[in-house]
Amino acid sequence: PPISTFISLDTNTMKLAILAALAGSAAAFAPTPIAKTTTSINAITGFEEVGGEPFDPMGLGKMYEIKGAFPNMFPHPQYMQESEIKHGRMAMLAWTGVWATESGLHFPGAPVADDWSTALPVWARE
């Protein structure tokens, strides 16, 4: 027997079901409205945990403003921040080098020695 004898759906019901399925799947990809935030970008300082101000009770970050001191005796905080980043990166690179040599990675042709100070002159002569 044909399948239409077991399932009796009219075309309007089928069209309605297909339309509902398409509308539901299209709604899943619709953009959501962006909610307005009350926090201003200018208010974020990175020091919200300590009251919104940098923790410097002795005023070491403002010593460059002292009048009458020798020129460049106290470095500017921007220089201190940049040098901290630079030295941190150098420390990471140094740790990677120590880890690599301790794990057995060496340059091909490098002399094998227990101490780098004895291997360096051998490499320099070659």
Protein backbone atom coordinates (compact mmCIF):
# COMPACT_ATOMS: atom_id res chain seq x y z
CA PRO A 1 0.00 0.00 0.00
CA PRO A 2 1.16 3.56 -0.61
CA ILE A 3 2.50 5.56 2.32
CA SER A 4 -0.24 8.14 1.96
CA THR A 5 -2.70 5.65 3.41
CA PHE A 6 -0.75 5.54 6.69
CA ILE A 7 0.04 9.28 6.96
CA SER A 8 -2.64 11.72 6.08
CA LEU A 9 -1.06 15.19 6.02
CA ASP A 10 -2.48 17.91 3.91
CA THR A 11 -0.16 20.26 2.07
CA ASN A 12 -0.97 23.27 4.23
CA THR A 13 0.16 21.48 7.40
CA MET A 14 3.40 20.38 5.74
CA LYS A 15 4.12 23.88 4.44
CA LEU A 16 3.49 25.32 7.90
CA ALA A 17 5.89 22.82 9.51
CA ILE A 18 8.64 23.57 6.98
CA LEU A 19 8.13 27.32 7.40
CA ALA A 20 8.37 27.02 11.21
CA ALA A 21 11.57 24.97 10.94
CA LEU A 22 13.16 27.49 8.59
CA ALA A 23 12.19 30.44 10.79
CA GLY A 24 13.61 28.71 13.86
CA SER A 25 16.91 27.95 12.17
CA ALA A 26 17.20 31.50 10.79
CA ALA A 27 16.58 32.97 14.24
CA ALA A 28 19.59 31.07 15.58
CA PHE A 29 21.91 33.08 13.34
CA ALA A 30 20.31 36.50 13.85
CA PRO A 31 22.57 39.07 15.56
CA THR A 32 21.78 39.84 19.16
CA PRO A 33 21.35 43.44 20.26
CA ILE A 34 24.40 44.92 21.98
CA ALA A 35 23.68 45.94 25.55
CA LYS A 36 24.86 49.34 26.72
CA THR A 37 27.51 49.19 29.42
CA THR A 38 27.80 51.77 32.14
CA THR A 39 31.56 51.40 32.65
CA SER A 40 33.66 53.92 30.78
CA ILE A 41 36.91 52.80 29.16
CA ASN A 42 38.64 55.82 30.66
CA ALA A 43 37.70 54.68 34.17
CA ILE A 44 39.61 51.38 33.85
CA THR A 45 43.09 51.93 35.28
CA GLY A 46 44.20 48.41 36.17
CA PHE A 47 44.34 49.33 39.87
CA GLU A 48 40.68 48.81 40.76
CA GLU A 49 41.59 46.22 43.42
CA VAL A 50 43.57 48.76 45.45
CA GLY A 51 41.24 51.72 45.24
CA GLY A 52 41.95 52.91 41.69
CA GLU A 53 45.41 54.32 42.43
CA PRO A 54 48.81 52.65 42.00
CA PHE A 55 50.25 51.31 45.26
CA ASP A 56 53.22 53.57 45.96
CA PRO A 57 53.16 54.58 49.63
CA MET A 58 56.74 55.94 49.65
CA GLY A 59 56.34 57.93 46.43
CA LEU A 60 59.21 56.21 44.61
CA GLY A 61 57.39 56.60 41.28
CA LYS A 62 57.45 60.40 41.56
CA MET A 63 61.11 60.83 42.53
CA TYR A 64 61.96 61.99 38.99
CA GLU A 65 59.98 65.18 39.76
CA ILE A 66 62.38 66.26 42.55
CA LYS A 67 63.86 69.65 41.72
CA GLY A 68 67.50 70.20 42.65
CA ALA A 69 68.54 66.55 42.21
CA PHE A 70 71.21 65.57 39.74
CA PRO A 71 69.90 65.30 36.17
CA ASN A 72 68.63 61.81 35.38
CA MET A 73 69.38 60.66 38.93
CA PHE A 74 65.89 59.17 39.22
CA PRO A 75 64.56 57.59 36.01
CA HIS A 76 61.14 58.34 34.61
CA PRO A 77 58.45 55.71 35.36
CA GLN A 78 57.91 55.08 31.64
CA TYR A 79 61.58 54.11 31.31
CA MET A 80 61.24 51.83 34.32
CA GLN A 81 58.19 50.10 32.82
CA GLU A 82 59.92 49.62 29.46
CA SER A 83 63.07 48.26 31.07
CA GLU A 84 61.02 45.88 33.21
CA ILE A 85 59.39 44.48 30.06
CA LYS A 86 62.78 44.22 28.33
CA HIS A 87 64.44 42.44 31.25
CA GLY A 88 61.47 40.12 31.64
CA ARG A 89 61.76 39.09 28.00
CA MET A 90 65.50 38.54 28.35
CA ALA A 91 64.89 36.35 31.41
CA MET A 92 62.36 34.27 29.47
CA LEU A 93 64.84 33.85 26.63
CA ALA A 94 67.61 32.88 29.06
CA TRP A 95 65.38 30.30 30.74
CA THR A 96 64.53 28.83 27.34
CA GLY A 97 68.25 28.54 26.54
CA VAL A 98 69.01 26.82 29.84
CA TRP A 99 66.09 24.45 29.36
CA ALA A 100 67.16 23.65 25.79
CA THR A 101 70.77 22.87 26.68
CA GLU A 102 69.83 20.85 29.75
CA SER A 103 67.46 18.75 27.64
CA GLY A 104 70.29 17.91 25.25
CA LEU A 105 69.75 20.35 22.37
CA HIS A 106 73.07 21.70 21.06
CA PHE A 107 74.33 23.40 17.92
CA PRO A 108 75.78 20.92 15.46
CA GLY A 109 79.57 20.96 15.61
CA ALA A 110 79.72 22.63 19.02
CA PRO A 111 82.41 21.23 21.32
CA VAL A 112 81.17 19.07 24.17
CA ALA A 113 82.43 20.18 27.58
CA ASP A 114 81.11 20.24 31.12
CA ASP A 115 81.79 23.96 31.50
CA TRP A 116 81.04 26.62 28.88
CA SER A 117 84.23 28.52 29.79
CA THR A 118 86.38 25.61 28.60
CA ALA A 119 84.32 24.97 25.47
CA LEU A 120 84.21 28.59 24.31
CA PRO A 121 87.96 28.94 23.46
CA VAL A 122 87.83 25.64 21.59
CA TRP A 123 84.95 26.87 19.49
CA ALA A 124 86.61 30.25 18.92
CA ARG A 125 89.78 28.58 17.59
CA GLU A 126 87.86 26.52 15.07
